[in-house]
């Protein structure tokens, strides 16, 4: 499965009724399939540990379904009382932008994933270059962090999206709006 196919599965597959709002887009994600794909793509035998960057409600739902598949989960979050910490096998306290904390999570995980986009992609790219499996790739995350790149990615890959124009300066806004 290519990264693009993973991106499509993770963002558009609707198997259960878990609805997630991600950057103002409604995305349906079956967390059980996500946990399974993480393991399959990393080709890791059970039991293994998935490290989840971010410990919110999405991370908790992910873990609850991963537990059904005998998958261990570790969580990185700054708040020890976050929803995912209550069900994770291991908790790493730290900022999602802190490279040392990300490395600590990577050290106790066979594969990494994330449930939030406001994280340190440069650190993740370094970990990936060092051989750590990260699904989806931090390159996908970089695209979703830049809404212009994200919209262009959608357009380039035939994913339906609202019409848009990219502008760099305020004086370009009027022309862009009129040309749509």
N, C-alpha and C. Protein backbone atom coordinates (compact mmCIF):
# COMPACT_ATOMS: atom_id res chain seq x y z
N UNK A 1 0.85 -1.18 0.00
CA UNK A 1 0.00 0.00 0.00
C UNK A 1 0.89 1.24 0.00
N UNK A 2 0.65 2.13 -0.92
CA UNK A 2 1.44 3.35 -0.99
C UNK A 2 0.97 4.33 0.08
N UNK A 3 1.78 5.37 0.33
CA UNK A 3 1.39 6.39 1.30
C UNK A 3 0.10 7.07 0.88
N UNK A 4 -0.05 7.28 -0.44
CA UNK A 4 -1.27 7.92 -0.91
C UNK A 4 -2.48 7.03 -0.64
N UNK A 5 -2.34 5.71 -0.87
CA UNK A 5 -3.45 4.81 -0.59
C UNK A 5 -3.77 4.80 0.89
N UNK A 6 -2.71 4.82 1.75
CA UNK A 6 -2.94 4.90 3.19
C UNK A 6 -3.71 6.16 3.54
N UNK A 7 -3.28 7.29 2.96
CA UNK A 7 -3.93 8.57 3.23
C UNK A 7 -5.42 8.47 2.88
N UNK A 8 -5.73 7.87 1.72
CA UNK A 8 -7.13 7.72 1.33
C UNK A 8 -7.89 6.84 2.31
N UNK A 9 -7.30 5.69 2.70
CA UNK A 9 -7.96 4.80 3.65
C UNK A 9 -8.18 5.52 4.97
N UNK A 10 -7.14 6.14 5.48
CA UNK A 10 -7.23 6.78 6.79
C UNK A 10 -8.20 7.94 6.81
N UNK A 11 -8.39 8.60 5.68
CA UNK A 11 -9.23 9.78 5.68
C UNK A 11 -10.62 9.59 5.07
N UNK A 12 -10.84 8.52 4.35
CA UNK A 12 -12.12 8.40 3.66
C UNK A 12 -12.86 7.10 3.91
N UNK A 13 -12.26 6.11 4.55
CA UNK A 13 -12.92 4.83 4.75
C UNK A 13 -13.94 4.96 5.88
N UNK A 14 -15.15 4.53 5.61
CA UNK A 14 -16.19 4.56 6.64
C UNK A 14 -16.68 3.12 6.85
N UNK A 15 -16.23 2.52 7.94
CA UNK A 15 -16.65 1.17 8.26
C UNK A 15 -17.53 1.20 9.50
N UNK A 16 -17.12 1.99 10.48
CA UNK A 16 -17.93 2.20 11.67
C UNK A 16 -18.48 3.62 11.61
N UNK A 17 -19.09 4.06 12.65
CA UNK A 17 -19.69 5.40 12.64
C UNK A 17 -18.84 6.40 13.40
N UNK A 18 -17.55 6.13 13.54
CA UNK A 18 -16.67 7.07 14.24
C UNK A 18 -16.44 8.27 13.35
N UNK A 19 -16.97 9.41 13.72
CA UNK A 19 -16.82 10.63 12.92
C UNK A 19 -15.82 11.54 13.60
N UNK A 20 -14.89 12.02 12.82
CA UNK A 20 -13.80 12.84 13.33
C UNK A 20 -13.81 14.16 12.58
N UNK A 21 -13.69 15.27 13.29
CA UNK A 21 -13.53 16.55 12.62
C UNK A 21 -12.04 16.88 12.65
N UNK A 22 -11.46 17.01 11.47
CA UNK A 22 -10.01 17.21 11.33
C UNK A 22 -9.83 18.38 10.39
N UNK A 23 -9.41 19.50 10.92
CA UNK A 23 -9.19 20.70 10.11
C UNK A 23 -10.41 21.10 9.31
N UNK A 24 -11.52 21.09 9.93
CA UNK A 24 -12.78 21.54 9.33
C UNK A 24 -13.26 20.63 8.22
N UNK A 25 -12.66 19.48 8.06
CA UNK A 25 -13.15 18.50 7.10
C UNK A 25 -13.74 17.35 7.91
N UNK A 26 -14.85 16.80 7.46
CA UNK A 26 -15.41 15.65 8.14
C UNK A 26 -14.75 14.41 7.53
N UNK A 27 -14.11 13.67 8.38
CA UNK A 27 -13.39 12.48 7.95
C UNK A 27 -13.89 11.29 8.77
N UNK A 28 -14.11 10.18 8.11
CA UNK A 28 -14.55 8.98 8.80
C UNK A 28 -13.37 8.01 8.85
N UNK A 29 -13.11 7.48 10.04
CA UNK A 29 -11.96 6.63 10.21
C UNK A 29 -12.32 5.45 11.11
N UNK A 30 -12.06 4.26 10.64
CA UNK A 30 -12.25 3.08 11.46
C UNK A 30 -10.93 2.81 12.18
N UNK A 31 -10.93 3.04 13.47
CA UNK A 31 -9.68 2.95 14.23
C UNK A 31 -9.14 1.54 14.28
N UNK A 32 -10.01 0.54 14.21
CA UNK A 32 -9.52 -0.83 14.19
C UNK A 32 -8.72 -1.09 12.92
N UNK A 33 -9.21 -0.63 11.79
CA UNK A 33 -8.49 -0.78 10.53
C UNK A 33 -7.18 -0.01 10.60
N UNK A 34 -7.18 1.16 11.18
CA UNK A 34 -5.96 1.95 11.29
C UNK A 34 -4.90 1.20 12.10
N UNK A 35 -5.28 0.61 13.23
CA UNK A 35 -4.33 -0.14 14.05
C UNK A 35 -3.80 -1.35 13.27
N UNK A 36 -4.68 -2.03 12.60
CA UNK A 36 -4.27 -3.20 11.81
C UNK A 36 -3.32 -2.80 10.69
N UNK A 37 -3.62 -1.72 9.98
CA UNK A 37 -2.75 -1.27 8.89
C UNK A 37 -1.39 -0.84 9.39
N UNK A 38 -1.35 -0.20 10.56
CA UNK A 38 -0.05 0.17 11.13
C UNK A 38 0.81 -1.07 11.30
N UNK A 39 0.24 -2.12 11.85
CA UNK A 39 1.00 -3.34 12.07
C UNK A 39 1.39 -4.01 10.76
N UNK A 40 0.43 -4.12 9.84
CA UNK A 40 0.69 -4.78 8.56
C UNK A 40 1.74 -4.05 7.75
N UNK A 41 1.63 -2.72 7.68
CA UNK A 41 2.58 -1.95 6.88
C UNK A 41 3.98 -2.01 7.48
N UNK A 42 4.06 -2.11 8.78
CA UNK A 42 5.37 -2.19 9.43
C UNK A 42 5.89 -3.63 9.47
N UNK A 43 5.03 -4.60 9.12
CA UNK A 43 5.37 -6.02 9.11
C UNK A 43 5.97 -6.45 10.45
N UNK A 44 5.26 -6.11 11.50
CA UNK A 44 5.71 -6.40 12.86
C UNK A 44 4.84 -7.51 13.43
N UNK A 45 5.47 -8.58 13.95
CA UNK A 45 4.67 -9.65 14.56
C UNK A 45 4.11 -9.20 15.91
N UNK A 46 3.00 -9.79 16.31
CA UNK A 46 2.39 -9.48 17.61
C UNK A 46 3.16 -10.19 18.71
N UNK A 47 3.15 -9.72 19.95
CA UNK A 47 2.61 -8.41 20.32
C UNK A 47 3.61 -7.31 19.98
N UNK A 48 3.11 -6.20 19.61
CA UNK A 48 3.95 -5.06 19.28
C UNK A 48 3.33 -3.82 19.88
N UNK A 49 4.08 -2.72 19.83
CA UNK A 49 3.61 -1.47 20.43
C UNK A 49 3.52 -0.39 19.38
N UNK A 50 2.35 0.25 19.33
CA UNK A 50 2.16 1.42 18.49
C UNK A 50 2.29 2.65 19.39
N UNK A 51 3.18 3.56 19.02
CA UNK A 51 3.33 4.81 19.74
C UNK A 51 2.42 5.85 19.11
N UNK A 52 1.60 6.48 19.91
CA UNK A 52 0.63 7.47 19.42
C UNK A 52 1.05 8.85 19.92
N UNK A 53 1.27 9.74 18.98
CA UNK A 53 1.64 11.11 19.32
C UNK A 53 0.34 11.89 19.49
N UNK A 54 0.06 12.29 20.70
CA UNK A 54 -1.19 12.96 21.04
C UNK A 54 -2.08 12.03 21.83
N UNK A 55 -2.63 12.53 22.91
CA UNK A 55 -3.40 11.67 23.80
C UNK A 55 -4.84 12.07 23.99
N UNK A 56 -5.43 12.65 22.96
CA UNK A 56 -6.82 13.08 23.06
C UNK A 56 -7.82 11.95 22.87
N UNK A 57 -9.05 12.33 22.61
CA UNK A 57 -10.13 11.35 22.46
C UNK A 57 -9.89 10.43 21.26
N UNK A 58 -9.30 10.94 20.18
CA UNK A 58 -9.01 10.09 19.02
C UNK A 58 -8.00 9.01 19.38
N UNK A 59 -6.98 9.40 20.15
CA UNK A 59 -6.00 8.42 20.61
C UNK A 59 -6.63 7.36 21.48
N UNK A 60 -7.54 7.79 22.35
CA UNK A 60 -8.24 6.82 23.21
C UNK A 60 -9.06 5.83 22.38
N UNK A 61 -9.81 6.33 21.38
CA UNK A 61 -10.59 5.42 20.53
C UNK A 61 -9.68 4.46 19.78
N UNK A 62 -8.55 4.95 19.31
CA UNK A 62 -7.58 4.12 18.62
C UNK A 62 -7.13 2.99 19.54
N UNK A 63 -6.73 3.35 20.77
CA UNK A 63 -6.23 2.36 21.73
C UNK A 63 -7.30 1.35 22.08
N UNK A 64 -8.52 1.80 22.32
CA UNK A 64 -9.60 0.88 22.69
C UNK A 64 -9.79 -0.19 21.63
N UNK A 65 -9.65 0.17 20.36
CA UNK A 65 -9.79 -0.82 19.29
C UNK A 65 -8.52 -1.64 19.12
N UNK A 66 -7.36 -1.03 19.32
CA UNK A 66 -6.10 -1.78 19.22
C UNK A 66 -6.04 -2.87 20.29
N UNK A 67 -6.57 -2.58 21.48
CA UNK A 67 -6.57 -3.57 22.56
C UNK A 67 -7.32 -4.84 22.16
N UNK A 68 -8.36 -4.70 21.36
CA UNK A 68 -9.12 -5.86 20.88
C UNK A 68 -8.28 -6.76 20.00
N UNK A 69 -7.20 -6.20 19.45
CA UNK A 69 -6.34 -6.95 18.54
C UNK A 69 -5.01 -7.33 19.21
N UNK A 70 -4.95 -7.24 20.54
CA UNK A 70 -3.75 -7.57 21.30
C UNK A 70 -2.56 -6.69 20.90
N UNK A 71 -2.83 -5.43 20.65
CA UNK A 71 -1.79 -4.47 20.28
C UNK A 71 -1.55 -3.54 21.47
N UNK A 72 -0.31 -3.41 21.85
CA UNK A 72 0.05 -2.51 22.94
C UNK A 72 0.18 -1.09 22.39
N UNK A 73 -0.12 -0.09 23.21
CA UNK A 73 -0.02 1.31 22.78
C UNK A 73 0.67 2.15 23.84
N UNK A 74 1.54 3.02 23.35
CA UNK A 74 2.18 4.02 24.20
C UNK A 74 1.73 5.38 23.69
N UNK A 75 1.63 6.35 24.58
CA UNK A 75 1.11 7.67 24.22
C UNK A 75 2.08 8.76 24.66
N UNK A 76 2.29 9.74 23.80
CA UNK A 76 3.04 10.95 24.15
C UNK A 76 2.05 12.10 24.25
N UNK A 77 2.04 12.75 25.41
CA UNK A 77 1.16 13.89 25.64
C UNK A 77 1.72 14.67 26.82
N UNK A 78 1.42 15.93 26.87
CA UNK A 78 1.90 16.77 27.97
C UNK A 78 1.03 16.66 29.21
N UNK A 79 -0.22 16.26 29.04
CA UNK A 79 -1.18 16.17 30.14
C UNK A 79 -1.32 14.72 30.61
N UNK A 80 -0.89 14.44 31.82
CA UNK A 80 -0.98 13.08 32.37
C UNK A 80 -2.42 12.59 32.50
N UNK A 81 -3.38 13.48 32.50
CA UNK A 81 -4.79 13.11 32.63
C UNK A 81 -5.53 13.13 31.30
N UNK A 82 -4.81 13.08 30.21
CA UNK A 82 -5.46 13.09 28.90
C UNK A 82 -6.26 11.79 28.71
N UNK A 83 -7.28 11.80 27.85
CA UNK A 83 -8.13 10.62 27.68
C UNK A 83 -7.37 9.34 27.34
N UNK A 84 -6.37 9.41 26.46
CA UNK A 84 -5.66 8.21 26.02
C UNK A 84 -4.76 7.62 27.11
N UNK A 85 -4.27 8.45 28.03
CA UNK A 85 -3.37 7.97 29.08
C UNK A 85 -4.05 6.93 29.97
N UNK A 86 -5.35 7.05 30.10
CA UNK A 86 -6.10 6.15 30.98
C UNK A 86 -6.17 4.72 30.45
N UNK A 87 -5.97 4.52 29.14
CA UNK A 87 -6.08 3.18 28.56
C UNK A 87 -4.78 2.71 27.91
N UNK A 88 -3.76 3.55 27.85
CA UNK A 88 -2.49 3.19 27.23
C UNK A 88 -1.67 2.28 28.14
N UNK A 89 -0.84 1.45 27.53
CA UNK A 89 0.07 0.60 28.29
C UNK A 89 1.22 1.41 28.87
N UNK A 90 1.61 2.47 28.15
CA UNK A 90 2.74 3.29 28.60
C UNK A 90 2.44 4.74 28.25
N UNK A 91 2.87 5.64 29.12
CA UNK A 91 2.65 7.07 28.92
C UNK A 91 3.99 7.78 28.95
N UNK A 92 4.22 8.64 27.97
CA UNK A 92 5.41 9.47 27.92
C UNK A 92 4.95 10.91 28.05
N UNK A 93 5.39 11.59 29.10
CA UNK A 93 4.99 12.98 29.31
C UNK A 93 5.95 13.89 28.55
N UNK A 94 5.38 14.75 27.72
CA UNK A 94 6.21 15.69 26.98
C UNK A 94 5.41 16.43 25.92
N UNK A 95 5.99 17.51 25.47
CA UNK A 95 5.34 18.31 24.42
C UNK A 95 5.43 17.58 23.08
N UNK A 96 4.41 17.73 22.27
CA UNK A 96 4.36 17.08 20.96
C UNK A 96 5.36 17.68 19.99
N UNK A 97 5.92 18.79 20.34
CA UNK A 97 6.92 19.45 19.49
C UNK A 97 8.35 19.19 19.98
N UNK A 98 8.49 18.49 21.10
CA UNK A 98 9.80 18.25 21.72
C UNK A 98 10.45 17.01 21.11
N UNK A 99 11.56 17.21 20.40
CA UNK A 99 12.23 16.10 19.73
C UNK A 99 12.66 15.02 20.72
N UNK A 100 13.13 15.40 21.90
CA UNK A 100 13.56 14.41 22.89
C UNK A 100 12.38 13.53 23.33
N UNK A 101 11.22 14.14 23.53
CA UNK A 101 10.02 13.38 23.93
C UNK A 101 9.58 12.45 22.80
N UNK A 102 9.64 12.93 21.56
CA UNK A 102 9.29 12.09 20.41
C UNK A 102 10.24 10.90 20.32
N UNK A 103 11.51 11.14 20.56
CA UNK A 103 12.51 10.06 20.53
C UNK A 103 12.26 9.06 21.67
N UNK A 104 11.84 9.56 22.82
CA UNK A 104 11.53 8.67 23.95
C UNK A 104 10.36 7.76 23.59
N UNK A 105 9.32 8.32 22.96
CA UNK A 105 8.19 7.50 22.52
C UNK A 105 8.64 6.50 21.46
N UNK A 106 9.45 6.94 20.51
CA UNK A 106 9.94 6.06 19.45
C UNK A 106 10.73 4.89 20.03
N UNK A 107 11.47 5.14 21.10
CA UNK A 107 12.30 4.09 21.71
C UNK A 107 11.47 2.95 22.30
N UNK A 108 10.24 3.24 22.72
CA UNK A 108 9.39 2.19 23.32
C UNK A 108 8.33 1.69 22.37
N UNK A 109 8.39 2.11 21.09
CA UNK A 109 7.37 1.76 20.11
C UNK A 109 7.98 1.07 18.89
N UNK A 110 7.24 0.14 18.33
CA UNK A 110 7.67 -0.52 17.10
C UNK A 110 7.32 0.32 15.88
N UNK A 111 6.23 1.05 15.98
CA UNK A 111 5.75 1.91 14.90
C UNK A 111 5.10 3.13 15.54
N UNK A 112 5.17 4.28 14.87
CA UNK A 112 4.55 5.50 15.38
C UNK A 112 3.41 5.94 14.48
N UNK A 113 2.42 6.56 15.09
CA UNK A 113 1.36 7.24 14.36
C UNK A 113 1.00 8.49 15.16
N UNK A 114 0.07 9.26 14.67
CA UNK A 114 -0.30 10.49 15.37
C UNK A 114 -1.78 10.74 15.22
N UNK A 115 -2.32 11.47 16.19
CA UNK A 115 -3.75 11.76 16.18
C UNK A 115 -4.02 13.25 16.12
N UNK A 116 -2.98 14.01 15.90
CA UNK A 116 -3.10 15.45 15.84
C UNK A 116 -2.04 15.96 14.88
N UNK A 117 -2.28 17.09 14.26
CA UNK A 117 -1.31 17.56 13.26
C UNK A 117 -0.32 18.59 13.77
N UNK A 118 -0.51 19.10 14.95
CA UNK A 118 0.36 20.16 15.46
C UNK A 118 1.54 19.55 16.21
N UNK A 119 2.40 18.87 15.45
CA UNK A 119 3.56 18.20 16.04
C UNK A 119 4.81 18.52 15.22
N UNK A 120 5.95 18.11 15.72
CA UNK A 120 7.24 18.42 15.13
C UNK A 120 7.54 17.48 13.96
N UNK A 121 7.23 17.89 12.75
CA UNK A 121 7.45 17.03 11.58
C UNK A 121 8.93 16.87 11.28
N UNK A 122 9.74 17.88 11.57
CA UNK A 122 11.19 17.75 11.31
C UNK A 122 11.79 16.62 12.14
N UNK A 123 11.40 16.53 13.40
CA UNK A 123 11.88 15.45 14.25
C UNK A 123 11.39 14.09 13.73
N UNK A 124 10.14 14.05 13.28
CA UNK A 124 9.60 12.79 12.74
C UNK A 124 10.32 12.39 11.45
N UNK A 125 10.65 13.36 10.62
CA UNK A 125 11.39 13.05 9.40
C UNK A 125 12.77 12.48 9.74
N UNK A 126 13.41 13.00 10.78
CA UNK A 126 14.70 12.46 11.22
C UNK A 126 14.54 11.02 11.68
N UNK A 127 13.51 10.76 12.50
CA UNK A 127 13.27 9.40 12.98
C UNK A 127 13.00 8.45 11.82
N UNK A 128 12.22 8.90 10.86
CA UNK A 128 11.92 8.07 9.69
C UNK A 128 13.20 7.77 8.91
N UNK A 129 14.05 8.77 8.73
CA UNK A 129 15.32 8.59 8.02
C UNK A 129 16.23 7.61 8.76
N UNK A 130 16.08 7.55 10.08
CA UNK A 130 16.88 6.62 10.90
C UNK A 130 16.29 5.22 10.92
N UNK A 131 15.15 5.03 10.24
CA UNK A 131 14.57 3.69 10.13
C UNK A 131 13.30 3.44 10.93
N UNK A 132 12.83 4.41 11.70
CA UNK A 132 11.60 4.22 12.46
C UNK A 132 10.41 4.28 11.51
N UNK A 133 9.51 3.32 11.59
CA UNK A 133 8.32 3.29 10.76
C UNK A 133 7.29 4.25 11.35
N UNK A 134 6.83 5.21 10.55
CA UNK A 134 5.85 6.20 10.98
C UNK A 134 4.73 6.19 9.94
N UNK A 135 3.51 5.92 10.41
CA UNK A 135 2.37 5.79 9.51
C UNK A 135 1.24 6.68 10.00
N UNK A 136 0.72 7.55 9.14
CA UNK A 136 1.21 7.93 7.83
C UNK A 136 2.54 8.67 7.93
N UNK A 137 3.24 8.72 6.83
CA UNK A 137 4.54 9.35 6.78
C UNK A 137 4.47 10.81 7.22
N UNK A 138 5.52 11.31 7.85
CA UNK A 138 5.56 12.73 8.20
C UNK A 138 5.44 13.64 6.97
N UNK A 139 5.77 13.13 5.79
CA UNK A 139 5.60 13.93 4.57
C UNK A 139 4.11 14.19 4.31
N UNK A 140 3.27 13.22 4.64
CA UNK A 140 1.82 13.41 4.54
C UNK A 140 1.39 14.47 5.55
N UNK A 141 1.94 14.39 6.76
CA UNK A 141 1.61 15.37 7.80
C UNK A 141 2.00 16.78 7.38
N UNK A 142 3.17 16.93 6.75
CA UNK A 142 3.58 18.26 6.29
C UNK A 142 2.57 18.83 5.30
N UNK A 143 2.01 17.98 4.47
CA UNK A 143 1.00 18.44 3.52
C UNK A 143 -0.24 18.92 4.26
N UNK A 144 -0.69 18.16 5.25
CA UNK A 144 -1.92 18.56 5.96
C UNK A 144 -1.70 19.76 6.87
N UNK A 145 -0.47 20.04 7.26
CA UNK A 145 -0.19 21.22 8.09
C UNK A 145 -0.27 22.51 7.28
N UNK A 146 -0.07 22.44 5.98
CA UNK A 146 -0.14 23.61 5.11
C UNK A 146 -1.41 23.48 4.26
N UNK A 147 -2.42 24.25 4.59
CA UNK A 147 -3.73 24.09 3.94
C UNK A 147 -3.66 24.33 2.43
N UNK A 148 -2.77 25.19 1.97
CA UNK A 148 -2.59 25.39 0.53
C UNK A 148 -2.05 24.13 -0.12
N UNK A 149 -1.01 23.54 0.48
CA UNK A 149 -0.46 22.29 -0.03
C UNK A 149 -1.50 21.17 0.01
N UNK A 150 -2.27 21.15 1.07
CA UNK A 150 -3.29 20.11 1.22
C UNK A 150 -4.33 20.20 0.10
N UNK A 151 -4.82 21.40 -0.15
CA UNK A 151 -5.81 21.58 -1.22
C UNK A 151 -5.20 21.22 -2.58
N UNK A 152 -3.95 21.61 -2.81
CA UNK A 152 -3.28 21.29 -4.08
C UNK A 152 -3.09 19.77 -4.20
N UNK A 153 -2.75 19.11 -3.10
CA UNK A 153 -2.62 17.65 -3.08
C UNK A 153 -3.93 16.99 -3.47
N UNK A 154 -5.03 17.47 -2.89
CA UNK A 154 -6.34 16.94 -3.25
C UNK A 154 -6.59 17.09 -4.75
N UNK A 155 -6.37 18.27 -5.24
CA UNK A 155 -6.62 18.54 -6.66
C UNK A 155 -5.74 17.64 -7.54
N UNK A 156 -4.46 17.56 -7.21
CA UNK A 156 -3.52 16.77 -8.02
C UNK A 156 -3.83 15.28 -8.02
N UNK A 157 -4.50 14.80 -6.97
CA UNK A 157 -4.78 13.37 -6.84
C UNK A 157 -6.25 13.02 -7.03
N UNK A 158 -7.01 13.94 -7.59
CA UNK A 158 -8.39 13.65 -7.93
C UNK A 158 -9.32 13.49 -6.74
N UNK A 159 -8.96 14.06 -5.60
CA UNK A 159 -9.83 14.01 -4.43
C UNK A 159 -10.72 15.25 -4.47
N UNK A 160 -12.03 15.06 -4.45
CA UNK A 160 -12.93 16.22 -4.53
C UNK A 160 -12.66 17.24 -3.44
N UNK A 161 -12.63 18.49 -3.83
CA UNK A 161 -12.44 19.59 -2.89
C UNK A 161 -13.10 20.84 -3.46
N UNK A 162 -13.44 21.77 -2.61
CA UNK A 162 -14.02 23.03 -3.07
C UNK A 162 -13.00 23.80 -3.91
N UNK A 163 -13.49 24.60 -4.83
CA UNK A 163 -12.61 25.41 -5.65
C UNK A 163 -11.83 26.37 -4.75
N UNK A 164 -10.60 26.65 -5.11
CA UNK A 164 -9.76 27.52 -4.29
C UNK A 164 -8.73 28.22 -5.17
N UNK A 165 -8.18 29.29 -4.64
CA UNK A 165 -7.05 30.00 -5.24
C UNK A 165 -6.07 30.28 -4.10
N UNK A 166 -4.80 30.06 -4.37
CA UNK A 166 -3.78 30.36 -3.37
C UNK A 166 -3.33 31.80 -3.54
N UNK A 167 -3.22 32.51 -2.44
CA UNK A 167 -2.75 33.89 -2.49
C UNK A 167 -1.62 34.06 -1.47
N UNK A 168 -0.70 34.95 -1.79
CA UNK A 168 0.43 35.20 -0.90
C UNK A 168 0.37 36.56 -0.22
N UNK A 169 -0.36 37.49 -0.80
CA UNK A 169 -0.45 38.85 -0.28
C UNK A 169 -1.92 39.27 -0.17
N UNK A 170 -2.25 40.10 0.81
CA UNK A 170 -3.64 40.55 0.96
C UNK A 170 -4.20 41.20 -0.31
N UNK A 171 -3.35 41.89 -1.07
CA UNK A 171 -3.86 42.55 -2.28
C UNK A 171 -4.27 41.55 -3.37
N UNK A 172 -3.92 40.30 -3.23
CA UNK A 172 -4.30 39.26 -4.19
C UNK A 172 -5.69 38.69 -3.89
N UNK A 173 -6.21 38.92 -2.70
CA UNK A 173 -7.46 38.30 -2.28
C UNK A 173 -8.63 38.68 -3.18
N UNK A 174 -8.78 39.95 -3.48
CA UNK A 174 -9.91 40.39 -4.28
C UNK A 174 -9.89 39.73 -5.65
N UNK A 175 -8.74 39.73 -6.32
CA UNK A 175 -8.64 39.10 -7.62
C UNK A 175 -8.97 37.60 -7.54
N UNK A 176 -8.45 36.93 -6.51
CA UNK A 176 -8.71 35.50 -6.34
C UNK A 176 -10.19 35.24 -6.15
N UNK A 177 -10.84 36.06 -5.33
CA UNK A 177 -12.27 35.88 -5.08
C UNK A 177 -13.09 36.13 -6.33
N UNK A 178 -12.73 37.14 -7.09
CA UNK A 178 -13.47 37.46 -8.31
C UNK A 178 -13.25 36.41 -9.41
N UNK A 179 -12.10 35.77 -9.41
CA UNK A 179 -11.80 34.81 -10.47
C UNK A 179 -12.38 33.43 -10.20
N UNK A 180 -12.97 33.24 -9.06
CA UNK A 180 -13.54 31.91 -8.73
C UNK A 180 -14.92 31.81 -9.26
